[in-house]
Amino acid sequence: MTREETKQILNIIIRAYPRMKIVETKEDVDLWHECLSDLVFDNARKAAISLVKQTKDFPPDIATIREEYGKLIEEVNAKDRAVRDLYRNFTRV
């Protein structure tokens, strides 16, 4: 994920929790980027949106976004395995 994409993730969180102080400085953005840069942006965005939908009292932090990202990736991998298994079974017939 690029620094600009990291800022997009932060903007989702900032807009969803307007009364909370989340990010104010370049150093804050740098930290979030360093901690999220290995994630694929589209999936990280989905994770952030998912967390915003389920969490009302506090904004998600870096670790929570990474955890939700991992859950989403595992769901995708499980679906991919199911499709491969179905295809294998179909081609055996």
PDB file of N, CA and C in Angstrom:
ATOM      1  N   MET A   1       0.846  -1.161   0.000  1.00  0.00           N
ATOM      2  CA  MET A   1       0.000   0.000   0.000  1.00  0.00           C
ATOM      3  C   MET A   1       0.900   1.235   0.000  1.00  0.00           C
ATOM      4  N   THR A   2       0.516   2.217  -0.762  1.00  0.00           N
ATOM      5  CA  THR A   2       1.287   3.461  -0.811  1.00  0.00           C
ATOM      6  C   THR A   2       0.920   4.371   0.360  1.00  0.00           C
ATOM      7  N   ARG A   3       1.709   5.409   0.534  1.00  0.00           N
ATOM      8  CA  ARG A   3       1.417   6.385   1.597  1.00  0.00           C
ATOM      9  C   ARG A   3       0.076   7.060   1.338  1.00  0.00           C
ATOM     10  N   GLU A   4      -0.209   7.384   0.092  1.00  0.00           N
ATOM     11  CA  GLU A   4      -1.499   8.017  -0.246  1.00  0.00           C
ATOM     12  C   GLU A   4      -2.668   7.073   0.046  1.00  0.00           C
ATOM     13  N   GLU A   5      -2.493   5.799  -0.213  1.00  0.00           N
ATOM     14  CA  GLU A   5      -3.542   4.827   0.107  1.00  0.00           C
ATOM     15  C   GLU A   5      -3.728   4.705   1.623  1.00  0.00           C
ATOM     16  N   THR A   6      -2.627   4.766   2.354  1.00  0.00           N
ATOM     17  CA  THR A   6      -2.726   4.764   3.813  1.00  0.00           C
ATOM     18  C   THR A   6      -3.537   5.966   4.284  1.00  0.00           C
ATOM     19  N   LYS A   7      -3.300   7.119   3.681  1.00  0.00           N
ATOM     20  CA  LYS A   7      -4.072   8.312   4.036  1.00  0.00           C
ATOM     21  C   LYS A   7      -5.559   8.114   3.745  1.00  0.00           C
ATOM     22  N   GLN A   8      -5.878   7.383   2.672  1.00  0.00           N
ATOM     23  CA  GLN A   8      -7.282   7.102   2.367  1.00  0.00           C
ATOM     24  C   GLN A   8      -7.923   6.246   3.457  1.00  0.00           C
ATOM     25  N   ILE A   9      -7.187   5.256   3.964  1.00  0.00           N
ATOM     26  CA  ILE A   9      -7.686   4.423   5.063  1.00  0.00           C
ATOM     27  C   ILE A   9      -7.931   5.305   6.291  1.00  0.00           C
ATOM     28  N   LEU A  10      -6.976   6.153   6.613  1.00  0.00           N
ATOM     29  CA  LEU A  10      -7.123   7.047   7.754  1.00  0.00           C
ATOM     30  C   LEU A  10      -8.307   7.999   7.578  1.00  0.00           C
ATOM     31  N   ASN A  11      -8.512   8.474   6.367  1.00  0.00           N
ATOM     32  CA  ASN A  11      -9.640   9.375   6.108  1.00  0.00           C
ATOM     33  C   ASN A  11     -10.980   8.686   6.337  1.00  0.00           C
ATOM     34  N   ILE A  12     -11.066   7.405   6.018  1.00  0.00           N
ATOM     35  CA  ILE A  12     -12.296   6.647   6.302  1.00  0.00           C
ATOM     36  C   ILE A  12     -12.552   6.669   7.805  1.00  0.00           C
ATOM     37  N   ILE A  13     -11.532   6.386   8.568  1.00  0.00           N
ATOM     38  CA  ILE A  13     -11.669   6.323  10.024  1.00  0.00           C
ATOM     39  C   ILE A  13     -11.970   7.705  10.600  1.00  0.00           C
ATOM     40  N   ILE A  14     -11.266   8.712  10.129  1.00  0.00           N
ATOM     41  CA  ILE A  14     -11.479  10.073  10.620  1.00  0.00           C
ATOM     42  C   ILE A  14     -12.910  10.526  10.353  1.00  0.00           C
ATOM     43  N   ARG A  15     -13.422  10.243   9.155  1.00  0.00           N
ATOM     44  CA  ARG A  15     -14.796  10.646   8.822  1.00  0.00           C
ATOM     45  C   ARG A  15     -15.824   9.876   9.633  1.00  0.00           C
ATOM     46  N   ALA A  16     -15.545   8.615   9.919  1.00  0.00           N
ATOM     47  CA  ALA A  16     -16.496   7.780  10.652  1.00  0.00           C
ATOM     48  C   ALA A  16     -16.542   8.143  12.140  1.00  0.00           C
ATOM     49  N   TYR A  17     -15.458   8.699  12.663  1.00  0.00           N
ATOM     50  CA  TYR A  17     -15.363   9.059  14.087  1.00  0.00           C
ATOM     51  C   TYR A  17     -14.940  10.526  14.189  1.00  0.00           C
ATOM     52  N   PRO A  18     -15.801  11.451  13.763  1.00  0.00           N
ATOM     53  CA  PRO A  18     -15.393  12.867  13.664  1.00  0.00           C
ATOM     54  C   PRO A  18     -15.055  13.533  14.992  1.00  0.00           C
ATOM     55  N   ARG A  19     -15.560  13.019  16.090  1.00  0.00           N
ATOM     56  CA  ARG A  19     -15.288  13.652  17.390  1.00  0.00           C
ATOM     57  C   ARG A  19     -14.015  13.140  18.039  1.00  0.00           C
ATOM     58  N   MET A  20     -13.383  12.177  17.423  1.00  0.00           N
ATOM     59  CA  MET A  20     -12.188  11.597  18.023  1.00  0.00           C
ATOM     60  C   MET A  20     -10.927  12.139  17.350  1.00  0.00           C
ATOM     61  N   LYS A  21      -9.925  12.360  18.158  1.00  0.00           N
ATOM     62  CA  LYS A  21      -8.625  12.787  17.647  1.00  0.00           C
ATOM     63  C   LYS A  21      -7.865  11.525  17.239  1.00  0.00           C
ATOM     64  N   ILE A  22      -7.615  11.368  15.950  1.00  0.00           N
ATOM     65  CA  ILE A  22      -6.976  10.144  15.477  1.00  0.00           C
ATOM     66  C   ILE A  22      -5.594  10.446  14.902  1.00  0.00           C
ATOM     67  N   VAL A  23      -5.556  11.308  13.908  1.00  0.00           N
ATOM     68  CA  VAL A  23      -4.290  11.596  13.233  1.00  0.00           C
ATOM     69  C   VAL A  23      -4.171  13.106  13.073  1.00  0.00           C
ATOM     70  N   GLU A  24      -3.030  13.611  13.462  1.00  0.00           N
ATOM     71  CA  GLU A  24      -2.841  15.049  13.327  1.00  0.00           C
ATOM     72  C   GLU A  24      -1.561  15.425  12.598  1.00  0.00           C
ATOM     73  N   THR A  25      -0.556  14.587  12.667  1.00  0.00           N
ATOM     74  CA  THR A  25       0.756  14.997  12.164  1.00  0.00           C
ATOM     75  C   THR A  25       1.262  14.062  11.065  1.00  0.00           C
ATOM     76  N   LYS A  26       2.280  14.525  10.384  1.00  0.00           N
ATOM     77  CA  LYS A  26       2.960  13.711   9.379  1.00  0.00           C
ATOM     78  C   LYS A  26       3.522  12.450  10.029  1.00  0.00           C
ATOM     79  N   GLU A  27       3.999  12.571  11.251  1.00  0.00           N
ATOM     80  CA  GLU A  27       4.558  11.423  11.961  1.00  0.00           C
ATOM     81  C   GLU A  27       3.496  10.351  12.208  1.00  0.00           C
ATOM     82  N   ASP A  28       2.258  10.786  12.496  1.00  0.00           N
ATOM     83  CA  ASP A  28       1.160   9.833  12.676  1.00  0.00           C
ATOM     84  C   ASP A  28       0.915   9.050  11.386  1.00  0.00           C
ATOM     85  N   VAL A  29       0.830   9.762  10.269  1.00  0.00           N
ATOM     86  CA  VAL A  29       0.615   9.110   8.977  1.00  0.00           C
ATOM     87  C   VAL A  29       1.785   8.190   8.659  1.00  0.00           C
ATOM     88  N   ASP A  30       2.996   8.641   8.935  1.00  0.00           N
ATOM     89  CA  ASP A  30       4.181   7.810   8.682  1.00  0.00           C
ATOM     90  C   ASP A  30       4.116   6.498   9.465  1.00  0.00           C
ATOM     91  N   LEU A  31       3.707   6.579  10.722  1.00  0.00           N
ATOM     92  CA  LEU A  31       3.602   5.370  11.544  1.00  0.00           C
ATOM     93  C   LEU A  31       2.554   4.413  10.980  1.00  0.00           C
ATOM     94  N   TRP A  32       1.382   4.934  10.660  1.00  0.00           N
ATOM     95  CA  TRP A  32       0.327   4.085  10.098  1.00  0.00           C
ATOM     96  C   TRP A  32       0.801   3.464   8.791  1.00  0.00           C
ATOM     97  N   HIS A  33       1.470   4.254   7.971  1.00  0.00           N
ATOM     98  CA  HIS A  33       1.954   3.711   6.698  1.00  0.00           C
ATOM     99  C   HIS A  33       2.993   2.619   6.927  1.00  0.00           C
ATOM    100  N   GLU A  34       3.910   2.844   7.826  1.00  0.00           N
ATOM    101  CA  GLU A  34       4.925   1.833   8.101  1.00  0.00           C
ATOM    102  C   GLU A  34       4.286   0.524   8.566  1.00  0.00           C
ATOM    103  N   CYS A  35       3.230   0.627   9.336  1.00  0.00           N
ATOM    104  CA  CYS A  35       2.579  -0.558   9.900  1.00  0.00           C
ATOM    105  C   CYS A  35       1.582  -1.226   8.957  1.00  0.00           C
ATOM    106  N   LEU A  36       1.128  -0.509   7.932  1.00  0.00           N
ATOM    107  CA  LEU A  36       0.128  -1.070   7.010  1.00  0.00           C
ATOM    108  C   LEU A  36       0.644  -1.235   5.582  1.00  0.00           C
ATOM    109  N   SER A  37       1.839  -0.792   5.298  1.00  0.00           N
ATOM    110  CA  SER A  37       2.316  -0.746   3.910  1.00  0.00           C
ATOM    111  C   SER A  37       2.400  -2.109   3.234  1.00  0.00           C
ATOM    112  N   ASP A  38       2.488  -3.190   3.992  1.00  0.00           N
ATOM    113  CA  ASP A  38       2.574  -4.515   3.385  1.00  0.00           C
ATOM    114  C   ASP A  38       1.202  -5.077   3.000  1.00  0.00           C
ATOM    115  N   LEU A  39       0.127  -4.368   3.340  1.00  0.00           N
ATOM    116  CA  LEU A  39      -1.216  -4.843   3.009  1.00  0.00           C
ATOM    117  C   LEU A  39      -1.631  -4.374   1.623  1.00  0.00           C
ATOM    118  N   VAL A  40      -2.505  -5.138   0.991  1.00  0.00           N
ATOM    119  CA  VAL A  40      -3.082  -4.748  -0.294  1.00  0.00           C
ATOM    120  C   VAL A  40      -4.190  -3.735  -0.005  1.00  0.00           C
ATOM    121  N   PHE A  41      -4.128  -2.591  -0.663  1.00  0.00           N
ATOM    122  CA  PHE A  41      -5.025  -1.482  -0.358  1.00  0.00           C
ATOM    123  C   PHE A  41      -6.502  -1.872  -0.392  1.00  0.00           C
ATOM    124  N   ASP A  42      -6.963  -2.502  -1.468  1.00  0.00           N
ATOM    125  CA  ASP A  42      -8.397  -2.812  -1.582  1.00  0.00           C
ATOM    126  C   ASP A  42      -8.887  -3.654  -0.409  1.00  0.00           C
ATOM    127  N   ASN A  43      -8.094  -4.612   0.013  1.00  0.00           N
ATOM    128  CA  ASN A  43      -8.484  -5.452   1.149  1.00  0.00           C
ATOM    129  C   ASN A  43      -8.379  -4.700   2.471  1.00  0.00           C
ATOM    130  N   ALA A  44      -7.388  -3.843   2.608  1.00  0.00           N
ATOM    131  CA  ALA A  44      -7.265  -3.030   3.821  1.00  0.00           C
ATOM    132  C   ALA A  44      -8.441  -2.066   3.924  1.00  0.00           C
ATOM    133  N   ARG A  45      -8.864  -1.520   2.793  1.00  0.00           N
ATOM    134  CA  ARG A  45     -10.032  -0.626   2.784  1.00  0.00           C
ATOM    135  C   ARG A  45     -11.282  -1.392   3.209  1.00  0.00           C
ATOM    136  N   LYS A  46     -11.448  -2.601   2.681  1.00  0.00           N
ATOM    137  CA  LYS A  46     -12.592  -3.434   3.077  1.00  0.00           C
ATOM    138  C   LYS A  46     -12.557  -3.723   4.576  1.00  0.00           C
ATOM    139  N   ALA A  47     -11.382  -3.990   5.099  1.00  0.00           N
ATOM    140  CA  ALA A  47     -11.239  -4.262   6.536  1.00  0.00           C
ATOM    141  C   ALA A  47     -11.619  -3.032   7.352  1.00  0.00           C
ATOM    142  N   ALA A  48     -11.156  -1.852   6.937  1.00  0.00           N
ATOM    143  CA  ALA A  48     -11.473  -0.618   7.660  1.00  0.00           C
ATOM    144  C   ALA A  48     -12.981  -0.345   7.625  1.00  0.00           C
ATOM    145  N   ILE A  49     -13.598  -0.501   6.470  1.00  0.00           N
ATOM    146  CA  ILE A  49     -15.047  -0.291   6.341  1.00  0.00           C
ATOM    147  C   ILE A  49     -15.798  -1.291   7.212  1.00  0.00           C
ATOM    148  N   SER A  50     -15.382  -2.540   7.193  1.00  0.00           N
ATOM    149  CA  SER A  50     -16.020  -3.564   8.015  1.00  0.00           C
ATOM    150  C   SER A  50     -15.951  -3.195   9.497  1.00  0.00           C
ATOM    151  N   LEU A  51     -14.805  -2.733   9.941  1.00  0.00           N
ATOM    152  CA  LEU A  51     -14.645  -2.352  11.347  1.00  0.00           C
ATOM    153  C   LEU A  51     -15.476  -1.129  11.706  1.00  0.00           C
ATOM    154  N   VAL A  52     -15.547  -0.167  10.807  1.00  0.00           N
ATOM    155  CA  VAL A  52     -16.376   1.018  11.052  1.00  0.00           C
ATOM    156  C   VAL A  52     -17.838   0.600  11.214  1.00  0.00           C
ATOM    157  N   LYS A  53     -18.270  -0.375  10.436  1.00  0.00           N
ATOM    158  CA  LYS A  53     -19.651  -0.848  10.524  1.00  0.00           C
ATOM    159  C   LYS A  53     -19.945  -1.561  11.840  1.00  0.00           C
ATOM    160  N   GLN A  54     -18.947  -2.202  12.432  1.00  0.00           N
ATOM    161  CA  GLN A  54     -19.188  -2.990  13.641  1.00  0.00           C
ATOM    162  C   GLN A  54     -18.777  -2.318  14.940  1.00  0.00           C
ATOM    163  N   THR A  55     -18.008  -1.245  14.888  1.00  0.00           N
ATOM    164  CA  THR A  55     -17.457  -0.644  16.095  1.00  0.00           C
ATOM    165  C   THR A  55     -18.009   0.756  16.277  1.00  0.00           C
ATOM    166  N   LYS A  56     -18.772   0.970  17.349  1.00  0.00           N
ATOM    167  CA  LYS A  56     -19.389   2.281  17.519  1.00  0.00           C
ATOM    168  C   LYS A  56     -18.690   3.180  18.534  1.00  0.00           C
ATOM    169  N   ASP A  57     -18.005   2.619  19.489  1.00  0.00           N
ATOM    170  CA  ASP A  57     -17.488   3.420  20.586  1.00  0.00           C
ATOM    171  C   ASP A  57     -16.076   3.963  20.396  1.00  0.00           C
ATOM    172  N   PHE A  58     -15.296   3.351  19.526  1.00  0.00           N
ATOM    173  CA  PHE A  58     -13.923   3.800  19.360  1.00  0.00           C
ATOM    174  C   PHE A  58     -13.440   3.442  17.964  1.00  0.00           C
ATOM    175  N   PRO A  59     -12.526   4.229  17.422  1.00  0.00           N
ATOM    176  CA  PRO A  59     -12.004   3.932  16.087  1.00  0.00           C
ATOM    177  C   PRO A  59     -11.057   2.737  16.134  1.00  0.00           C
ATOM    178  N   PRO A  60     -10.983   1.981  15.037  1.00  0.00           N
ATOM    179  CA  PRO A  60     -10.050   0.855  15.005  1.00  0.00           C
ATOM    180  C   PRO A  60      -8.603   1.349  14.982  1.00  0.00           C
ATOM    181  N   ASP A  61      -7.746   0.601  15.652  1.00  0.00           N
ATOM    182  CA  ASP A  61      -6.324   0.925  15.624  1.00  0.00           C
ATOM    183  C   ASP A  61      -5.623   0.059  14.573  1.00  0.00           C
ATOM    184  N   ILE A  62      -4.340   0.223  14.454  1.00  0.00           N
ATOM    185  CA  ILE A  62      -3.561  -0.494  13.440  1.00  0.00           C
ATOM    186  C   ILE A  62      -3.706  -1.997  13.600  1.00  0.00           C
ATOM    187  N   ALA A  63      -3.525  -2.492  14.807  1.00  0.00           N
ATOM    188  CA  ALA A  63      -3.583  -3.940  15.041  1.00  0.00           C
ATOM    189  C   ALA A  63      -4.957  -4.505  14.708  1.00  0.00           C
ATOM    190  N   THR A  64      -6.005  -3.762  15.020  1.00  0.00           N
ATOM    191  CA  THR A  64      -7.365  -4.228  14.739  1.00  0.00           C
ATOM    192  C   THR A  64      -7.614  -4.282  13.240  1.00  0.00           C
ATOM    193  N   ILE A  65      -7.120  -3.308  12.515  1.00  0.00           N
ATOM    194  CA  ILE A  65      -7.252  -3.328  11.047  1.00  0.00           C
ATOM    195  C   ILE A  65      -6.490  -4.525  10.487  1.00  0.00           C
ATOM    196  N   ARG A  66      -5.290  -4.779  10.981  1.00  0.00           N
ATOM    197  CA  ARG A  66      -4.506  -5.924  10.493  1.00  0.00           C
ATOM    198  C   ARG A  66      -5.228  -7.241  10.806  1.00  0.00           C
ATOM    199  N   GLU A  67      -5.829  -7.330  11.979  1.00  0.00           N
ATOM    200  CA  GLU A  67      -6.556  -8.543  12.353  1.00  0.00           C
ATOM    201  C   GLU A  67      -7.766  -8.759  11.430  1.00  0.00           C
ATOM    202  N   GLU A  68      -8.525  -7.709  11.192  1.00  0.00           N
ATOM    203  CA  GLU A  68      -9.694  -7.818  10.300  1.00  0.00           C
ATOM    204  C   GLU A  68      -9.245  -8.147   8.877  1.00  0.00           C
ATOM    205  N   TYR A  69      -8.146  -7.563   8.444  1.00  0.00           N
ATOM    206  CA  TYR A  69      -7.563  -7.854   7.131  1.00  0.00           C
ATOM    207  C   TYR A  69      -7.257  -9.348   7.020  1.00  0.00           C
ATOM    208  N   GLY A  70      -6.636  -9.899   8.064  1.00  0.00           N
ATOM    209  CA  GLY A  70      -6.308 -11.326   8.075  1.00  0.00           C
ATOM    210  C   GLY A  70      -7.547 -12.192   7.962  1.00  0.00           C
ATOM    211  N   LYS A  71      -8.616 -11.806   8.648  1.00  0.00           N
ATOM    212  CA  LYS A  71      -9.876 -12.554   8.571  1.00  0.00           C
ATOM    213  C   LYS A  71     -10.441 -12.508   7.153  1.00  0.00           C
ATOM    214  N   LEU A  72     -10.405 -11.330   6.534  1.00  0.00           N
ATOM    215  CA  LEU A  72     -10.915 -11.209   5.162  1.00  0.00           C
ATOM    216  C   LEU A  72     -10.096 -12.050   4.190  1.00  0.00           C
ATOM    217  N   ILE A  73      -8.786 -12.034   4.343  1.00  0.00           N
ATOM    218  CA  ILE A  73      -7.918 -12.829   3.464  1.00  0.00           C
ATOM    219  C   ILE A  73      -8.199 -14.312   3.664  1.00  0.00           C
ATOM    220  N   GLU A  74      -8.389 -14.749   4.902  1.00  0.00           N
ATOM    221  CA  GLU A  74      -8.686 -16.154   5.172  1.00  0.00           C
ATOM    222  C   GLU A  74     -10.016 -16.558   4.539  1.00  0.00           C
ATOM    223  N   GLU A  75     -11.009 -15.681   4.591  1.00  0.00           N
ATOM    224  CA  GLU A  75     -12.299 -15.964   3.948  1.00  0.00           C
ATOM    225  C   GLU A  75     -12.124 -16.140   2.438  1.00  0.00           C
ATOM    226  N   VAL A  76     -11.347 -15.259   1.842  1.00  0.00           N
ATOM    227  CA  VAL A  76     -11.091 -15.348   0.397  1.00  0.00           C
ATOM    228  C   VAL A  76     -10.366 -16.648   0.075  1.00  0.00           C
ATOM    229  N   ASN A  77      -9.355 -16.983   0.874  1.00  0.00           N
ATOM    230  CA  ASN A  77      -8.613 -18.225   0.640  1.00  0.00           C
ATOM    231  C   ASN A  77      -9.506 -19.451   0.797  1.00  0.00           C
ATOM    232  N   ALA A  78     -10.397 -19.431   1.786  1.00  0.00           N
ATOM    233  CA  ALA A  78     -11.315 -20.552   1.981  1.00  0.00           C
ATOM    234  C   ALA A  78     -12.257 -20.700   0.785  1.00  0.00           C
ATOM    235  N   LYS A  79     -12.734 -19.588   0.263  1.00  0.00           N
ATOM    236  CA  LYS A  79     -13.609 -19.636  -0.920  1.00  0.00           C
ATOM    237  C   LYS A  79     -12.839 -20.163  -2.127  1.00  0.00           C
ATOM    238  N   ASP A  80     -11.603 -19.711  -2.275  1.00  0.00           N
ATOM    239  CA  ASP A  80     -10.771 -20.197  -3.384  1.00  0.00           C
ATOM    240  C   ASP A  80     -10.545 -21.705  -3.280  1.00  0.00           C
ATOM    241  N   ARG A  81     -10.268 -22.198  -2.068  1.00  0.00           N
ATOM    242  CA  ARG A  81     -10.078 -23.639  -1.871  1.00  0.00           C
ATOM    243  C   ARG A  81     -11.355 -24.403  -2.216  1.00  0.00           C
ATOM    244  N   ALA A  82     -12.489 -23.868  -1.819  1.00  0.00           N
ATOM    245  CA  ALA A  82     -13.774 -24.530  -2.097  1.00  0.00           C
ATOM    246  C   ALA A  82     -14.022 -24.604  -3.598  1.00  0.00           C
ATOM    247  N   VAL A  83     -13.715 -23.540  -4.307  1.00  0.00           N
ATOM    248  CA  VAL A  83     -13.894 -23.537  -5.766  1.00  0.00           C
ATOM    249  C   VAL A  83     -12.945 -24.531  -6.420  1.00  0.00           C
ATOM    250  N   ARG A  84     -11.691 -24.566  -5.961  1.00  0.00           N
ATOM    251  CA  ARG A  84     -10.730 -25.531  -6.520  1.00  0.00           C
ATOM    252  C   ARG A  84     -11.181 -26.963  -6.257  1.00  0.00           C
ATOM    253  N   ASP A  85     -11.669 -27.227  -5.054  1.00  0.00           N
ATOM    254  CA  ASP A  85     -12.157 -28.572  -4.725  1.00  0.00           C
ATOM    255  C   ASP A  85     -13.353 -28.947  -5.588  1.00  0.00           C
ATOM    256  N   LEU A  86     -14.244 -28.012  -5.764  1.00  0.00           N
ATOM    257  CA  LEU A  86     -15.416 -28.254  -6.603  1.00  0.00           C
ATOM    258  C   LEU A  86     -14.996 -28.537  -8.037  1.00  0.00           C
ATOM    259  N   TYR A  87     -14.050 -27.757  -8.550  1.00  0.00           N
ATOM    260  CA  TYR A  87     -13.558 -27.954  -9.902  1.00  0.00           C
ATOM    261  C   TYR A  87     -12.893 -29.325 -10.031  1.00  0.00           C
ATOM    262  N   ARG A  88     -12.055 -29.688  -9.048  1.00  0.00           N
ATOM    263  CA  ARG A  88     -11.394 -30.998  -9.076  1.00  0.00           C
ATOM    264  C   ARG A  88     -12.418 -32.127  -9.110  1.00  0.00           C
ATOM    265  N   ASN A  89     -13.427 -32.031  -8.273  1.00  0.00           N
ATOM    266  CA  ASN A  89     -14.475 -33.056  -8.234  1.00  0.00           C
ATOM    267  C   ASN A  89     -15.254 -33.099  -9.535  1.00  0.00           C
ATOM    268  N   PHE A  90     -15.488 -31.946 -10.131  1.00  0.00           N
ATOM    269  CA  PHE A  90     -16.228 -31.879 -11.376  1.00  0.00           C
ATOM    270  C   PHE A  90     -15.442 -32.496 -12.523  1.00  0.00           C
ATOM    271  N   THR A  91     -14.141 -32.244 -12.569  1.00  0.00           N
ATOM    272  CA  THR A  91     -13.331 -32.760 -13.671  1.00  0.00           C
ATOM    273  C   THR A  91     -13.051 -34.254 -13.544  1.00  0.00           C
ATOM    274  N   ARG A  92     -13.240 -34.826 -12.371  1.00  0.00           N
ATOM    275  CA  ARG A  92     -13.047 -36.259 -12.172  1.00  0.00           C
ATOM    276  C   ARG A  92     -14.210 -37.070 -12.717  1.00  0.00           C
ATOM    277  N   VAL A  93     -15.341 -36.443 -12.872  1.00  0.00           N
ATOM    278  CA  VAL A  93     -16.553 -37.163 -13.303  1.00  0.00           C
ATOM    279  C   VAL A  93     -16.468 -37.513 -14.746  1.00  0.00           C
TER     280      VAL A  93
END
